[in-house]
Amino acid sequence: MRPLPLPLALTARLSPVAVLACAGWLLSSGPAAPPAAGHQTARTPSAGTSAAAPSATAAAPTYTTAPSPCAAVPAATLKSLVPGAGPAGKEIPSTDTKLRRTCSWNALHGYDYRWLDVSFEIAESEQEAEKEYGQRVAEKSGGGAVPGLGETAYSVVGLTTEDEQQTREGVVLARVANALVVVTYSGSDFETREAPATDEINKGAIKAAKSAVAALDGDG
């Protein structure tokens, strides 16, 4: 699975607080004009208070680090999805393991080959994760929603043929707050040169995705 890094840059937005100063006998000689309807008067900061402060405090993101993807899928699930693969898996190098981590399992069992990737990606905000989720879903067609998985989830299965060998691949993308869970599950039969059924690959990818989503909160 190719890494699809998120554009993750946090920009602090500060809005200045106006300070009213009254000085000089010329300004104090006339009556003060009343504030315009619907507007609040600016308040002078009290002693010891900074004259500039954020207008609003941004909500802290739900997730700040990516959990271990190699611990996200139970051993029994891995055994059923990737027969012959070790439960430890192999974590793929990442440029920032706080924001993106991927684990991979693959094995040839007889003539059947299976491959499973599980990725966690942490965005700076829920809005950024929602935007990224929408962009990725738009890039894939022929899939559908997965009810009850995260806050929103989508799955799609595709078939490719290379040198008369079929491979079927299922992708599940789920969003939970500011985190994305991406699962890729594929299979081939090197004896018949055919691919596993669509239903098998789709259900396997969704099963792994459910475990990964649970692992976000340490329940996997």
N, C-alpha and C. Protein backbone atom coordinates (compact mmCIF):
# COMPACT_ATOMS: atom_id res chain seq x y z
N MET A 1 0.83 -1.20 0.00
CA MET A 1 0.00 0.00 0.00
C MET A 1 0.86 1.23 0.00
N ARG A 2 0.62 2.11 -0.99
CA ARG A 2 1.44 3.31 -1.06
C ARG A 2 1.00 4.29 0.01
N PRO A 3 1.94 4.90 0.72
CA PRO A 3 1.56 5.89 1.75
C PRO A 3 0.92 7.09 1.11
N LEU A 4 -0.14 7.55 1.72
CA LEU A 4 -0.84 8.74 1.24
C LEU A 4 -0.84 9.77 2.35
N PRO A 5 0.28 10.47 2.53
CA PRO A 5 0.40 11.38 3.68
C PRO A 5 -0.61 12.49 3.62
N LEU A 6 -0.99 12.90 4.77
CA LEU A 6 -1.92 14.02 4.87
C LEU A 6 -1.15 15.32 5.00
N PRO A 7 -1.70 16.40 4.43
CA PRO A 7 -1.07 17.71 4.66
C PRO A 7 -1.38 18.20 6.04
N LEU A 8 -0.43 17.96 7.01
CA LEU A 8 -0.73 18.20 8.42
C LEU A 8 0.10 19.37 8.92
N ALA A 9 -0.48 20.58 8.92
CA ALA A 9 0.22 21.75 9.44
C ALA A 9 -0.73 22.53 10.29
N LEU A 10 -0.32 22.77 11.53
CA LEU A 10 -1.21 23.47 12.47
C LEU A 10 -0.87 24.94 12.48
N THR A 11 -1.84 25.81 12.16
CA THR A 11 -1.63 27.26 12.11
C THR A 11 -2.43 27.92 13.21
N ALA A 12 -1.73 28.65 14.08
CA ALA A 12 -2.44 29.35 15.16
C ALA A 12 -3.02 30.62 14.60
N ARG A 13 -4.30 30.82 14.85
CA ARG A 13 -4.96 32.02 14.37
C ARG A 13 -5.32 32.89 15.57
N LEU A 14 -4.68 34.06 15.66
CA LEU A 14 -4.92 34.96 16.77
C LEU A 14 -5.59 36.22 16.25
N SER A 15 -6.61 36.67 16.93
CA SER A 15 -7.27 37.92 16.54
C SER A 15 -6.98 38.96 17.60
N PRO A 16 -6.54 40.16 17.22
CA PRO A 16 -6.18 41.18 18.23
C PRO A 16 -7.40 41.67 18.98
N VAL A 17 -7.16 42.07 20.23
CA VAL A 17 -8.21 42.67 21.06
C VAL A 17 -7.98 44.17 21.08
N ALA A 18 -9.01 44.94 20.71
CA ALA A 18 -8.87 46.41 20.65
C ALA A 18 -8.81 46.98 22.05
N VAL A 19 -7.97 47.95 22.22
CA VAL A 19 -7.84 48.62 23.51
C VAL A 19 -8.24 50.07 23.35
N LEU A 20 -9.21 50.50 24.16
CA LEU A 20 -9.66 51.89 24.11
C LEU A 20 -8.83 52.72 25.10
N ALA A 21 -8.36 53.84 24.66
CA ALA A 21 -7.62 54.74 25.55
C ALA A 21 -8.25 56.12 25.49
N CYS A 22 -8.46 56.69 26.64
CA CYS A 22 -9.05 58.03 26.70
C CYS A 22 -8.01 58.98 27.28
N ALA A 23 -7.56 59.91 26.51
CA ALA A 23 -6.56 60.86 26.97
C ALA A 23 -6.84 62.22 26.36
N GLY A 24 -6.59 63.25 27.15
CA GLY A 24 -6.74 64.62 26.63
C GLY A 24 -8.09 65.23 26.97
N TRP A 25 -8.07 66.51 27.34
CA TRP A 25 -9.32 67.14 27.77
C TRP A 25 -10.23 67.43 26.60
N LEU A 26 -9.69 67.46 25.34
CA LEU A 26 -10.54 67.72 24.19
C LEU A 26 -11.50 66.57 23.93
N LEU A 27 -11.01 65.31 24.12
CA LEU A 27 -11.85 64.15 23.87
C LEU A 27 -12.90 63.97 24.95
N SER A 28 -12.61 64.44 26.18
CA SER A 28 -13.53 64.23 27.28
C SER A 28 -14.57 65.33 27.36
N SER A 29 -14.45 66.38 26.53
CA SER A 29 -15.37 67.50 26.66
C SER A 29 -16.73 67.22 26.07
N GLY A 30 -16.85 66.28 25.12
CA GLY A 30 -18.14 66.00 24.50
C GLY A 30 -18.73 64.71 25.00
N PRO A 31 -20.05 64.51 24.77
CA PRO A 31 -20.71 63.27 25.22
C PRO A 31 -20.23 62.09 24.39
N ALA A 32 -20.13 60.91 25.01
CA ALA A 32 -19.69 59.70 24.32
C ALA A 32 -20.80 59.21 23.42
N ALA A 33 -20.43 58.79 22.20
CA ALA A 33 -21.44 58.27 21.28
C ALA A 33 -21.86 56.88 21.71
N PRO A 34 -23.16 56.57 21.66
CA PRO A 34 -23.63 55.25 22.07
C PRO A 34 -23.17 54.20 21.07
N PRO A 35 -22.98 52.97 21.51
CA PRO A 35 -22.56 51.91 20.58
C PRO A 35 -23.64 51.63 19.56
N ALA A 36 -23.21 51.24 18.33
CA ALA A 36 -24.18 50.91 17.29
C ALA A 36 -24.97 49.69 17.69
N ALA A 37 -26.23 49.65 17.24
CA ALA A 37 -27.12 48.53 17.59
C ALA A 37 -26.53 47.23 17.06
N GLY A 38 -26.61 46.20 17.87
CA GLY A 38 -26.13 44.89 17.47
C GLY A 38 -24.64 44.69 17.66
N HIS A 39 -23.90 45.68 18.14
CA HIS A 39 -22.47 45.55 18.35
C HIS A 39 -22.14 45.72 19.82
N GLN A 40 -21.09 45.03 20.25
CA GLN A 40 -20.65 45.15 21.64
C GLN A 40 -19.50 46.12 21.72
N THR A 41 -19.43 46.81 22.79
CA THR A 41 -18.30 47.72 22.99
C THR A 41 -17.07 46.91 23.36
N ALA A 42 -15.92 47.38 22.90
CA ALA A 42 -14.67 46.71 23.26
C ALA A 42 -14.35 47.01 24.70
N ARG A 43 -13.76 46.01 25.36
CA ARG A 43 -13.44 46.18 26.78
C ARG A 43 -11.94 46.30 26.96
N THR A 44 -11.56 47.26 27.80
CA THR A 44 -10.14 47.43 28.09
C THR A 44 -9.66 46.30 28.97
N PRO A 45 -8.56 45.65 28.61
CA PRO A 45 -8.07 44.55 29.44
C PRO A 45 -7.70 45.04 30.83
N SER A 46 -7.98 44.22 31.81
CA SER A 46 -7.62 44.56 33.18
C SER A 46 -6.12 44.44 33.36
N ALA A 47 -5.62 44.97 34.44
CA ALA A 47 -4.18 44.95 34.71
C ALA A 47 -3.69 43.51 34.75
N GLY A 48 -2.56 43.30 34.13
CA GLY A 48 -1.97 41.96 34.13
C GLY A 48 -2.50 41.08 33.02
N THR A 49 -3.45 41.59 32.18
CA THR A 49 -4.02 40.79 31.11
C THR A 49 -3.39 41.20 29.80
N SER A 50 -3.03 40.27 28.98
CA SER A 50 -2.41 40.57 27.70
C SER A 50 -3.38 41.30 26.81
N ALA A 51 -2.88 42.22 26.00
CA ALA A 51 -3.73 42.98 25.11
C ALA A 51 -4.10 42.19 23.87
N ALA A 52 -3.48 41.07 23.62
CA ALA A 52 -3.81 40.22 22.47
C ALA A 52 -4.06 38.82 22.97
N ALA A 53 -5.19 38.23 22.55
CA ALA A 53 -5.55 36.89 22.98
C ALA A 53 -6.36 36.23 21.89
N PRO A 54 -6.37 34.89 21.81
CA PRO A 54 -7.15 34.19 20.80
C PRO A 54 -8.63 34.50 20.96
N SER A 55 -9.34 34.67 19.84
CA SER A 55 -10.77 34.94 19.89
C SER A 55 -11.54 33.73 20.35
N ALA A 56 -11.02 32.56 20.04
CA ALA A 56 -11.68 31.33 20.47
C ALA A 56 -10.63 30.25 20.56
N THR A 57 -10.81 29.35 21.49
CA THR A 57 -9.87 28.26 21.66
C THR A 57 -10.31 27.09 20.80
N ALA A 58 -9.44 26.67 19.88
CA ALA A 58 -9.78 25.55 18.99
C ALA A 58 -9.90 24.27 19.81
N ALA A 59 -10.88 23.45 19.43
CA ALA A 59 -11.09 22.19 20.14
C ALA A 59 -9.89 21.29 19.92
N ALA A 60 -9.44 20.68 20.99
CA ALA A 60 -8.29 19.78 20.89
C ALA A 60 -8.67 18.55 20.09
N PRO A 61 -7.78 18.05 19.22
CA PRO A 61 -8.11 16.85 18.44
C PRO A 61 -8.26 15.64 19.35
N THR A 62 -9.13 14.72 18.95
CA THR A 62 -9.38 13.52 19.74
C THR A 62 -8.14 12.64 19.80
N TYR A 63 -7.45 12.50 18.68
CA TYR A 63 -6.26 11.65 18.62
C TYR A 63 -5.05 12.50 18.23
N THR A 64 -3.97 12.32 18.94
CA THR A 64 -2.73 13.06 18.67
C THR A 64 -1.61 12.17 18.15
N THR A 65 -1.72 10.88 18.35
CA THR A 65 -0.71 9.95 17.85
C THR A 65 -1.38 8.72 17.27
N ALA A 66 -0.71 8.09 16.32
CA ALA A 66 -1.22 6.87 15.71
C ALA A 66 -0.87 5.67 16.59
N PRO A 67 -1.83 4.79 16.86
CA PRO A 67 -1.51 3.59 17.64
C PRO A 67 -0.70 2.60 16.82
N SER A 68 -0.22 1.56 17.46
CA SER A 68 0.55 0.54 16.77
C SER A 68 -0.34 -0.27 15.84
N PRO A 69 -0.13 -0.23 14.53
CA PRO A 69 -0.99 -0.97 13.63
C PRO A 69 -0.76 -2.48 13.70
N CYS A 70 0.45 -2.88 14.09
CA CYS A 70 0.75 -4.31 14.15
C CYS A 70 0.07 -4.99 15.34
N ALA A 71 -0.47 -4.19 16.24
CA ALA A 71 -1.22 -4.75 17.37
C ALA A 71 -2.72 -4.53 17.22
N ALA A 72 -3.14 -4.06 16.04
CA ALA A 72 -4.53 -3.66 15.86
C ALA A 72 -5.47 -4.81 15.50
N VAL A 73 -4.92 -5.91 14.98
CA VAL A 73 -5.76 -7.03 14.53
C VAL A 73 -5.46 -8.25 15.37
N PRO A 74 -6.47 -8.86 16.00
CA PRO A 74 -6.24 -10.04 16.84
C PRO A 74 -5.62 -11.19 16.05
N ALA A 75 -4.86 -12.02 16.77
CA ALA A 75 -4.17 -13.14 16.13
C ALA A 75 -5.14 -14.08 15.43
N ALA A 76 -6.30 -14.32 16.04
CA ALA A 76 -7.27 -15.24 15.43
C ALA A 76 -7.80 -14.68 14.11
N THR A 77 -8.00 -13.36 14.06
CA THR A 77 -8.46 -12.73 12.82
C THR A 77 -7.39 -12.81 11.75
N LEU A 78 -6.15 -12.55 12.14
CA LEU A 78 -5.04 -12.64 11.18
C LEU A 78 -4.90 -14.06 10.63
N LYS A 79 -5.07 -15.04 11.48
CA LYS A 79 -4.94 -16.43 11.04
C LYS A 79 -5.99 -16.77 10.00
N SER A 80 -7.20 -16.24 10.16
CA SER A 80 -8.26 -16.53 9.20
C SER A 80 -8.11 -15.74 7.90
N LEU A 81 -7.56 -14.52 7.99
CA LEU A 81 -7.43 -13.68 6.80
C LEU A 81 -6.15 -13.94 6.02
N VAL A 82 -5.05 -14.19 6.75
CA VAL A 82 -3.74 -14.41 6.10
C VAL A 82 -3.14 -15.69 6.67
N PRO A 83 -3.63 -16.85 6.25
CA PRO A 83 -3.10 -18.11 6.78
C PRO A 83 -1.60 -18.24 6.51
N GLY A 84 -0.88 -18.63 7.55
CA GLY A 84 0.55 -18.81 7.42
C GLY A 84 1.37 -17.59 7.79
N ALA A 85 0.73 -16.45 7.98
CA ALA A 85 1.47 -15.24 8.35
C ALA A 85 1.69 -15.18 9.85
N GLY A 86 2.82 -14.67 10.26
CA GLY A 86 3.08 -14.49 11.69
C GLY A 86 2.23 -13.36 12.24
N PRO A 87 1.81 -13.43 13.49
CA PRO A 87 0.94 -12.40 14.06
C PRO A 87 1.62 -11.05 14.25
N ALA A 88 2.95 -11.04 14.28
CA ALA A 88 3.65 -9.78 14.55
C ALA A 88 3.53 -8.78 13.41
N GLY A 89 3.51 -9.25 12.18
CA GLY A 89 3.44 -8.35 11.04
C GLY A 89 4.74 -7.59 10.86
N LYS A 90 4.76 -6.71 9.88
CA LYS A 90 5.94 -5.88 9.61
C LYS A 90 5.50 -4.44 9.45
N GLU A 91 6.02 -3.56 10.31
CA GLU A 91 5.65 -2.15 10.20
C GLU A 91 6.46 -1.48 9.10
N ILE A 92 5.74 -0.72 8.27
CA ILE A 92 6.36 -0.03 7.14
C ILE A 92 6.97 1.28 7.64
N PRO A 93 8.20 1.61 7.22
CA PRO A 93 8.83 2.87 7.65
C PRO A 93 7.95 4.07 7.29
N SER A 94 7.91 5.06 8.20
CA SER A 94 7.11 6.26 8.00
C SER A 94 7.95 7.48 8.32
N THR A 95 7.66 8.58 7.63
CA THR A 95 8.40 9.81 7.89
C THR A 95 8.00 10.44 9.22
N ASP A 96 6.81 10.12 9.70
CA ASP A 96 6.35 10.64 10.99
C ASP A 96 5.41 9.62 11.62
N THR A 97 5.96 8.82 12.53
CA THR A 97 5.18 7.74 13.12
C THR A 97 4.09 8.23 14.07
N LYS A 98 4.14 9.51 14.47
CA LYS A 98 3.05 10.04 15.28
C LYS A 98 1.79 10.22 14.44
N LEU A 99 1.97 10.50 13.15
CA LEU A 99 0.85 10.85 12.30
C LEU A 99 0.43 9.74 11.34
N ARG A 100 1.33 8.84 11.02
CA ARG A 100 0.98 7.76 10.09
C ARG A 100 1.79 6.51 10.41
N ARG A 101 1.08 5.38 10.56
CA ARG A 101 1.74 4.10 10.78
C ARG A 101 0.99 3.02 9.99
N THR A 102 1.77 2.10 9.42
CA THR A 102 1.18 1.02 8.61
C THR A 102 1.85 -0.29 8.96
N CYS A 103 1.05 -1.34 9.07
CA CYS A 103 1.58 -2.69 9.30
C CYS A 103 1.10 -3.60 8.18
N SER A 104 1.95 -4.54 7.80
CA SER A 104 1.65 -5.42 6.68
C SER A 104 1.86 -6.88 7.06
N TRP A 105 0.94 -7.72 6.58
CA TRP A 105 1.06 -9.17 6.73
C TRP A 105 0.85 -9.80 5.36
N ASN A 106 1.65 -10.79 5.00
CA ASN A 106 1.43 -11.51 3.75
C ASN A 106 2.02 -12.90 3.87
N ALA A 107 1.39 -13.84 3.16
CA ALA A 107 1.86 -15.22 3.22
C ALA A 107 1.27 -16.02 2.06
N LEU A 108 2.03 -17.02 1.64
CA LEU A 108 1.57 -17.99 0.65
C LEU A 108 1.26 -19.29 1.38
N HIS A 109 0.00 -19.69 1.34
CA HIS A 109 -0.45 -20.89 2.04
C HIS A 109 -0.92 -21.87 0.97
N GLY A 110 -0.05 -22.86 0.68
CA GLY A 110 -0.33 -23.71 -0.47
C GLY A 110 -0.16 -22.87 -1.73
N TYR A 111 -1.24 -22.74 -2.49
CA TYR A 111 -1.22 -21.89 -3.68
C TYR A 111 -1.97 -20.57 -3.46
N ASP A 112 -2.51 -20.41 -2.28
CA ASP A 112 -3.29 -19.20 -1.99
C ASP A 112 -2.40 -18.14 -1.36
N TYR A 113 -2.44 -16.97 -1.95
CA TYR A 113 -1.66 -15.85 -1.44
C TYR A 113 -2.60 -14.78 -0.90
N ARG A 114 -2.28 -14.27 0.31
CA ARG A 114 -3.08 -13.22 0.91
C ARG A 114 -2.16 -12.11 1.43
N TRP A 115 -2.67 -10.87 1.36
CA TRP A 115 -1.93 -9.70 1.78
C TRP A 115 -2.88 -8.77 2.53
N LEU A 116 -2.44 -8.29 3.69
CA LEU A 116 -3.24 -7.38 4.49
C LEU A 116 -2.40 -6.20 4.95
N ASP A 117 -2.89 -5.00 4.72
CA ASP A 117 -2.27 -3.78 5.23
C ASP A 117 -3.27 -3.05 6.13
N VAL A 118 -2.80 -2.54 7.25
CA VAL A 118 -3.62 -1.72 8.14
C VAL A 118 -2.86 -0.44 8.44
N SER A 119 -3.52 0.69 8.18
CA SER A 119 -2.87 1.99 8.39
C SER A 119 -3.72 2.88 9.30
N PHE A 120 -3.02 3.66 10.12
CA PHE A 120 -3.65 4.73 10.91
C PHE A 120 -3.05 6.05 10.45
N GLU A 121 -3.90 7.02 10.19
CA GLU A 121 -3.45 8.35 9.80
C GLU A 121 -4.15 9.38 10.67
N ILE A 122 -3.38 10.26 11.28
CA ILE A 122 -3.92 11.25 12.21
C ILE A 122 -3.85 12.63 11.58
N ALA A 123 -5.00 13.27 11.44
CA ALA A 123 -5.07 14.62 10.88
C ALA A 123 -5.04 15.64 12.01
N GLU A 124 -4.78 16.90 11.65
CA GLU A 124 -4.68 17.94 12.67
C GLU A 124 -6.04 18.30 13.26
N SER A 125 -7.13 17.98 12.52
CA SER A 125 -8.46 18.30 13.02
C SER A 125 -9.46 17.34 12.39
N GLU A 126 -10.63 17.32 12.96
CA GLU A 126 -11.70 16.49 12.41
C GLU A 126 -12.09 16.97 11.02
N GLN A 127 -12.04 18.29 10.80
CA GLN A 127 -12.39 18.84 9.49
C GLN A 127 -11.40 18.38 8.42
N GLU A 128 -10.11 18.34 8.78
CA GLU A 128 -9.10 17.88 7.82
C GLU A 128 -9.29 16.41 7.50
N ALA A 129 -9.59 15.60 8.51
CA ALA A 129 -9.81 14.17 8.28
C ALA A 129 -11.05 13.94 7.42
N GLU A 130 -12.08 14.71 7.67
CA GLU A 130 -13.31 14.59 6.89
C GLU A 130 -13.06 14.96 5.42
N LYS A 131 -12.28 16.00 5.21
CA LYS A 131 -11.94 16.42 3.85
C LYS A 131 -11.13 15.36 3.12
N GLU A 132 -10.13 14.81 3.81
CA GLU A 132 -9.29 13.78 3.20
C GLU A 132 -10.10 12.52 2.89
N TYR A 133 -10.99 12.17 3.81
CA TYR A 133 -11.86 11.01 3.60
C TYR A 133 -12.70 11.21 2.33
N GLY A 134 -13.31 12.38 2.20
CA GLY A 134 -14.14 12.66 1.04
C GLY A 134 -13.36 12.60 -0.26
N GLN A 135 -12.13 13.10 -0.25
CA GLN A 135 -11.31 13.08 -1.46
C GLN A 135 -10.96 11.66 -1.88
N ARG A 136 -10.66 10.82 -0.91
CA ARG A 136 -10.27 9.45 -1.25
C ARG A 136 -11.47 8.64 -1.75
N VAL A 137 -12.61 8.85 -1.13
CA VAL A 137 -13.81 8.14 -1.58
C VAL A 137 -14.15 8.56 -3.01
N ALA A 138 -13.97 9.85 -3.30
CA ALA A 138 -14.27 10.35 -4.64
C ALA A 138 -13.35 9.75 -5.70
N GLU A 139 -12.15 9.35 -5.30
CA GLU A 139 -11.20 8.77 -6.24
C GLU A 139 -11.52 7.33 -6.58
N LYS A 140 -12.39 6.70 -5.79
CA LYS A 140 -12.72 5.29 -6.02
C LYS A 140 -14.21 5.18 -6.36
N SER A 141 -14.53 4.35 -7.31
CA SER A 141 -15.92 4.18 -7.69
C SER A 141 -16.31 2.70 -7.57
N GLY A 142 -17.61 2.46 -7.52
CA GLY A 142 -18.10 1.09 -7.48
C GLY A 142 -18.23 0.50 -6.10
N GLY A 143 -17.91 1.28 -5.08
CA GLY A 143 -18.01 0.78 -3.71
C GLY A 143 -19.29 1.24 -3.04
N GLY A 144 -19.31 1.17 -1.72
CA GLY A 144 -20.48 1.58 -0.97
C GLY A 144 -20.16 1.82 0.49
N ALA A 145 -21.12 2.39 1.19
CA ALA A 145 -20.95 2.70 2.60
C ALA A 145 -20.93 1.42 3.44
N VAL A 146 -20.23 1.50 4.57
CA VAL A 146 -20.18 0.39 5.52
C VAL A 146 -20.85 0.87 6.81
N PRO A 147 -22.10 0.49 7.05
CA PRO A 147 -22.81 0.97 8.23
C PRO A 147 -22.17 0.47 9.52
N GLY A 148 -22.20 1.33 10.56
CA GLY A 148 -21.75 0.92 11.88
C GLY A 148 -20.25 0.85 12.07
N LEU A 149 -19.50 1.37 11.12
CA LEU A 149 -18.03 1.34 11.23
C LEU A 149 -17.52 2.76 11.32
N GLY A 150 -16.98 3.13 12.50
CA GLY A 150 -16.52 4.48 12.72
C GLY A 150 -17.66 5.48 12.59
N GLU A 151 -17.32 6.71 12.29
CA GLU A 151 -18.35 7.73 12.06
C GLU A 151 -18.87 7.67 10.63
N THR A 152 -18.00 7.25 9.73
CA THR A 152 -18.38 7.00 8.35
C THR A 152 -17.35 6.08 7.74
N ALA A 153 -17.79 5.19 6.86
CA ALA A 153 -16.86 4.22 6.27
C ALA A 153 -17.32 3.83 4.88
N TYR A 154 -16.35 3.40 4.08
CA TYR A 154 -16.60 3.08 2.67
C TYR A 154 -15.73 1.89 2.30
N SER A 155 -16.26 0.99 1.47
CA SER A 155 -15.48 -0.15 1.00
C SER A 155 -15.66 -0.31 -0.50
N VAL A 156 -14.60 -0.79 -1.14
CA VAL A 156 -14.63 -1.02 -2.59
C VAL A 156 -13.71 -2.19 -2.90
N VAL A 157 -14.12 -3.00 -3.87
CA VAL A 157 -13.34 -4.17 -4.27
C VAL A 157 -13.07 -4.09 -5.77
N GLY A 158 -11.83 -4.37 -6.16
CA GLY A 158 -11.47 -4.33 -7.57
C GLY A 158 -10.71 -5.58 -7.99
N LEU A 159 -10.73 -5.87 -9.28
CA LEU A 159 -10.06 -7.04 -9.83
C LEU A 159 -9.04 -6.59 -10.87
N THR A 160 -7.82 -7.11 -10.75
CA THR A 160 -6.78 -6.84 -11.74
C THR A 160 -6.25 -8.17 -12.27
N THR A 161 -5.74 -8.14 -13.51
CA THR A 161 -5.16 -9.32 -14.14
C THR A 161 -3.82 -8.95 -14.75
N GLU A 162 -2.78 -9.69 -14.36
CA GLU A 162 -1.45 -9.46 -14.90
C GLU A 162 -0.82 -10.80 -15.24
N ASP A 163 -0.40 -10.97 -16.50
CA ASP A 163 0.16 -12.24 -16.98
C ASP A 163 -0.80 -13.40 -16.70
N GLU A 164 -2.08 -13.14 -16.94
CA GLU A 164 -3.16 -14.13 -16.77
C GLU A 164 -3.39 -14.53 -15.32
N GLN A 165 -2.78 -13.81 -14.39
CA GLN A 165 -3.01 -14.07 -12.96
C GLN A 165 -3.92 -13.00 -12.39
N GLN A 166 -5.04 -13.43 -11.83
CA GLN A 166 -5.99 -12.50 -11.24
C GLN A 166 -5.64 -12.19 -9.79
N THR A 167 -5.89 -10.97 -9.40
CA THR A 167 -5.76 -10.55 -8.00
C THR A 167 -6.96 -9.68 -7.67
N ARG A 168 -7.60 -9.99 -6.57
CA ARG A 168 -8.74 -9.18 -6.13
C ARG A 168 -8.33 -8.42 -4.87
N GLU A 169 -8.62 -7.13 -4.86
CA GLU A 169 -8.21 -6.27 -3.74
C GLU A 169 -9.39 -5.50 -3.19
N GLY A 170 -9.52 -5.53 -1.89
CA GLY A 170 -10.56 -4.76 -1.21
C GLY A 170 -9.94 -3.67 -0.36
N VAL A 171 -10.55 -2.49 -0.37
CA VAL A 171 -10.08 -1.36 0.42
C VAL A 171 -11.23 -0.86 1.28
N VAL A 172 -10.95 -0.67 2.56
CA VAL A 172 -11.93 -0.09 3.47
C VAL A 172 -11.32 1.17 4.08
N LEU A 173 -12.06 2.25 3.99
CA LEU A 173 -11.63 3.53 4.56
C LEU A 173 -12.65 3.96 5.59
N ALA A 174 -12.20 4.20 6.81
CA ALA A 174 -13.09 4.62 7.89
C ALA A 174 -12.54 5.86 8.57
N ARG A 175 -13.46 6.75 8.97
CA ARG A 175 -13.05 7.95 9.71
C ARG A 175 -13.64 7.91 11.11
N VAL A 176 -12.79 8.20 12.09
CA VAL A 176 -13.22 8.34 13.48
C VAL A 176 -12.62 9.63 14.01
N ALA A 177 -13.46 10.65 14.21
CA ALA A 177 -12.99 11.97 14.64
C ALA A 177 -11.91 12.45 13.66
N ASN A 178 -10.69 12.72 14.16
CA ASN A 178 -9.63 13.22 13.28
C ASN A 178 -8.67 12.12 12.82
N ALA A 179 -9.11 10.86 12.91
CA ALA A 179 -8.28 9.73 12.50
C ALA A 179 -8.90 9.01 11.30
N LEU A 180 -8.04 8.53 10.41
CA LEU A 180 -8.46 7.69 9.30
C LEU A 180 -7.87 6.30 9.49
N VAL A 181 -8.69 5.30 9.24
CA VAL A 181 -8.24 3.90 9.24
C VAL A 181 -8.36 3.40 7.81
N VAL A 182 -7.27 2.90 7.26
CA VAL A 182 -7.26 2.40 5.89
C VAL A 182 -6.80 0.94 5.90
N VAL A 183 -7.64 0.07 5.37
CA VAL A 183 -7.34 -1.36 5.32
C VAL A 183 -7.35 -1.81 3.86
N THR A 184 -6.30 -2.52 3.46
CA THR A 184 -6.23 -3.10 2.12
C THR A 184 -6.03 -4.61 2.27
N TYR A 185 -6.90 -5.38 1.61
CA TYR A 185 -6.83 -6.84 1.71
C TYR A 185 -6.95 -7.42 0.32
N SER A 186 -5.98 -8.25 -0.07
CA SER A 186 -5.98 -8.80 -1.42
C SER A 186 -5.63 -10.28 -1.41
N GLY A 187 -5.98 -10.96 -2.51
CA GLY A 187 -5.71 -12.38 -2.60
C GLY A 187 -5.61 -12.88 -4.03
N SER A 188 -4.87 -13.98 -4.18
CA SER A 188 -4.70 -14.63 -5.48
C SER A 188 -4.58 -16.14 -5.26
N ASP A 189 -4.98 -16.92 -6.27
CA ASP A 189 -4.79 -18.37 -6.26
C ASP A 189 -3.82 -18.69 -7.39
N PHE A 190 -2.61 -19.13 -7.04
CA PHE A 190 -1.58 -19.37 -8.05
C PHE A 190 -1.73 -20.72 -8.76
N GLU A 191 -2.67 -21.53 -8.30
CA GLU A 191 -2.92 -22.80 -8.98
C GLU A 191 -3.95 -22.60 -10.09
N THR A 192 -5.07 -22.00 -9.76
CA THR A 192 -6.11 -21.77 -10.76
C THR A 192 -5.90 -20.47 -11.52
N ARG A 193 -5.01 -19.60 -10.99
CA ARG A 193 -4.74 -18.27 -11.53
C ARG A 193 -5.96 -17.35 -11.45
N GLU A 194 -6.90 -17.75 -10.62
CA GLU A 194 -8.08 -16.94 -10.38
C GLU A 194 -7.98 -16.24 -9.03
N ALA A 195 -8.86 -15.28 -8.83
CA ALA A 195 -8.86 -14.52 -7.58
C ALA A 195 -9.98 -15.01 -6.66
N PRO A 196 -9.84 -14.77 -5.36
CA PRO A 196 -10.94 -15.10 -4.45
C PRO A 196 -12.20 -14.33 -4.81
N ALA A 197 -13.32 -14.78 -4.31
CA ALA A 197 -14.60 -14.12 -4.59
C ALA A 197 -14.64 -12.72 -3.99
N THR A 198 -15.41 -11.85 -4.61
CA THR A 198 -15.55 -10.48 -4.13
C THR A 198 -16.04 -10.44 -2.69
N ASP A 199 -17.01 -11.28 -2.38
CA ASP A 199 -17.59 -11.29 -1.04
C ASP A 199 -16.56 -11.67 0.01
N GLU A 200 -15.70 -12.62 -0.30
CA GLU A 200 -14.67 -13.04 0.65
C GLU A 200 -13.69 -11.90 0.96
N ILE A 201 -13.24 -11.23 -0.09
CA ILE A 201 -12.28 -10.14 0.09
C ILE A 201 -12.92 -8.95 0.80
N ASN A 202 -14.15 -8.62 0.42
CA ASN A 202 -14.83 -7.47 1.04
C ASN A 202 -15.09 -7.72 2.53
N LYS A 203 -15.60 -8.88 2.86
CA LYS A 203 -15.88 -9.19 4.26
C LYS A 203 -14.58 -9.27 5.07
N GLY A 204 -13.51 -9.79 4.48
CA GLY A 204 -12.24 -9.86 5.19
C GLY A 204 -11.69 -8.48 5.49
N ALA A 205 -11.78 -7.57 4.51
CA ALA A 205 -11.28 -6.21 4.72
C ALA A 205 -12.09 -5.49 5.79
N ILE A 206 -13.40 -5.67 5.78
CA ILE A 206 -14.26 -5.02 6.78
C ILE A 206 -13.99 -5.59 8.17
N LYS A 207 -13.76 -6.89 8.26
CA LYS A 207 -13.46 -7.51 9.56
C LYS A 207 -12.19 -6.93 10.15
N ALA A 208 -11.16 -6.79 9.33
CA ALA A 208 -9.91 -6.21 9.82
C ALA A 208 -10.10 -4.74 10.19
N ALA A 209 -10.91 -4.02 9.43
CA ALA A 209 -11.15 -2.61 9.71
C ALA A 209 -11.89 -2.42 11.04
N LYS A 210 -12.80 -3.30 11.35
CA LYS A 210 -13.51 -3.20 12.63
C LYS A 210 -12.53 -3.35 13.81
N SER A 211 -11.60 -4.28 13.68
CA SER A 211 -10.60 -4.46 14.74
C SER A 211 -9.71 -3.22 14.85
N ALA A 212 -9.34 -2.64 13.71
CA ALA A 212 -8.47 -1.47 13.71
C ALA A 212 -9.16 -0.27 14.32
N VAL A 213 -10.43 -0.07 14.01
CA VAL A 213 -11.18 1.05 14.59
C VAL A 213 -11.27 0.90 16.10
N ALA A 214 -11.52 -0.32 16.57
CA ALA A 214 -11.58 -0.57 18.01
C ALA A 214 -10.23 -0.29 18.67
N ALA A 215 -9.13 -0.55 17.95
CA ALA A 215 -7.80 -0.36 18.51
C ALA A 215 -7.47 1.12 18.71
N LEU A 216 -8.17 2.01 18.03
CA LEU A 216 -7.92 3.45 18.22
C LEU A 216 -8.13 3.86 19.68
N ASP A 217 -9.10 3.25 20.33
CA ASP A 217 -9.39 3.58 21.72
C ASP A 217 -8.87 2.51 22.68
N GLY A 218 -7.98 1.67 22.17
CA GLY A 218 -7.38 0.66 23.03
C GLY A 218 -8.30 -0.48 23.34
N ASP A 219 -9.34 -0.68 22.51
CA ASP A 219 -10.28 -1.77 22.76
C ASP A 219 -10.09 -2.95 21.84
N GLY A 220 -9.07 -2.86 20.96
CA GLY A 220 -8.88 -3.92 19.98
C GLY A 220 -8.23 -5.16 20.58
